[in-house]
C-alpha cells in the first residue's frame, strides 16, 4: 500500500500546512483528504507536489508492505 507519511514530514520540515499545499497545487479539499487517508491520487498531483515543494517522489510517497495485500494473479 502507498503511504503519504513522507509528504507530511516534508510539509512539516518546510513549515507548510496541508491547506497551503492545497492552494499551491490548486487541488480540491477532497484530494487533500485522500492524502490524509492514504488513498490513491493522480500522478499529476504527485508531480505538482514535487514541483512546488522542490522535492523527490520519495519525499512524497512510500510503499509499505501490508500483511493483507493480495497477490496479483
Protein backbone atom coordinates (compact mmCIF):
# COMPACT_ATOMS: atom_id res chain seq x y z
CA UNK A 1 0.00 0.00 0.00
CA UNK A 2 1.08 3.57 -0.55
CA UNK A 3 1.66 5.94 2.33
CA UNK A 4 1.94 9.71 2.25
CA UNK A 5 3.80 9.85 5.57
CA UNK A 6 6.90 11.23 3.82
CA UNK A 7 4.80 14.11 2.47
CA UNK A 8 3.59 15.01 5.95
CA UNK A 9 7.21 15.04 7.12
CA UNK A 10 8.28 17.14 4.11
CA UNK A 11 5.49 19.63 4.76
CA UNK A 12 6.50 19.85 8.42
CA UNK A 13 10.15 20.47 7.51
CA UNK A 14 9.15 23.20 5.06
CA UNK A 15 6.61 24.66 7.51
CA UNK A 16 3.76 24.32 5.02
CA UNK A 17 0.27 23.26 6.07
CA UNK A 18 -1.95 20.92 4.07
CA UNK A 19 -4.24 23.89 3.39
CA UNK A 20 -1.33 25.88 1.99
CA UNK A 21 -0.31 22.90 -0.14
CA UNK A 22 -3.86 22.67 -1.45
CA UNK A 23 -3.69 26.27 -2.61
CA UNK A 24 -0.16 25.93 -4.04
CA UNK A 25 -1.05 22.98 -6.26
CA UNK A 26 -4.65 24.06 -6.89
CA UNK A 27 -6.46 20.88 -5.85
CA UNK A 28 -9.72 20.25 -4.04
CA UNK A 29 -10.06 19.56 -0.35
CA UNK A 30 -11.16 16.05 -1.38
CA UNK A 31 -7.69 15.40 -2.82
CA UNK A 32 -6.07 16.57 0.41
CA UNK A 33 -8.46 14.28 2.32
CA UNK A 34 -7.37 11.35 0.12
CA UNK A 35 -3.76 12.09 1.01
CA UNK A 36 -4.69 12.11 4.70
CA UNK A 37 -6.34 8.69 4.31
CA UNK A 38 -3.52 7.22 2.17
CA UNK A 39 -5.92 6.84 -0.76
CA UNK A 40 -4.71 6.94 -4.33
CA UNK A 41 -4.21 10.29 -6.04
CA UNK A 42 -3.15 11.00 -9.60
CA UNK A 43 0.46 11.06 -10.71
CA UNK A 44 -0.15 14.62 -11.90
CA UNK A 45 -0.88 15.68 -8.32
CA UNK A 46 2.28 13.92 -7.12
CA UNK A 47 4.21 15.65 -9.91
CA UNK A 48 2.74 19.03 -8.89
CA UNK A 49 3.65 18.42 -5.25
CA UNK A 50 7.24 17.58 -6.18
CA UNK A 51 7.49 20.66 -8.40
CA UNK A 52 6.04 23.08 -5.82
CA UNK A 53 7.97 21.66 -2.86
CA UNK A 54 11.13 21.11 -4.93
CA UNK A 55 11.42 17.56 -3.67
CA UNK A 56 11.69 13.98 -4.91
CA UNK A 57 8.89 11.42 -5.21
CA UNK A 58 10.41 9.62 -2.22
CA UNK A 59 9.71 12.77 -0.18
CA UNK A 60 6.01 12.40 -1.01
CA UNK A 61 5.12 8.70 -1.07
CA UNK A 62 6.45 5.37 0.08
CA UNK A 63 5.39 1.80 -0.47
CA UNK A 64 4.56 -0.09 2.71
CA UNK A 65 4.20 -3.86 2.60
CA UNK A 66 0.86 -4.87 4.06
CA UNK A 67 0.06 -8.25 5.57
CA UNK A 68 -3.37 -8.01 3.96
CA UNK A 69 -2.11 -7.39 0.44
CA UNK A 70 -3.47 -9.74 -2.18
CA UNK A 71 -1.15 -11.43 -4.62
CA UNK A 72 -1.52 -10.46 -8.24
CA UNK A 73 -2.59 -13.50 -10.21
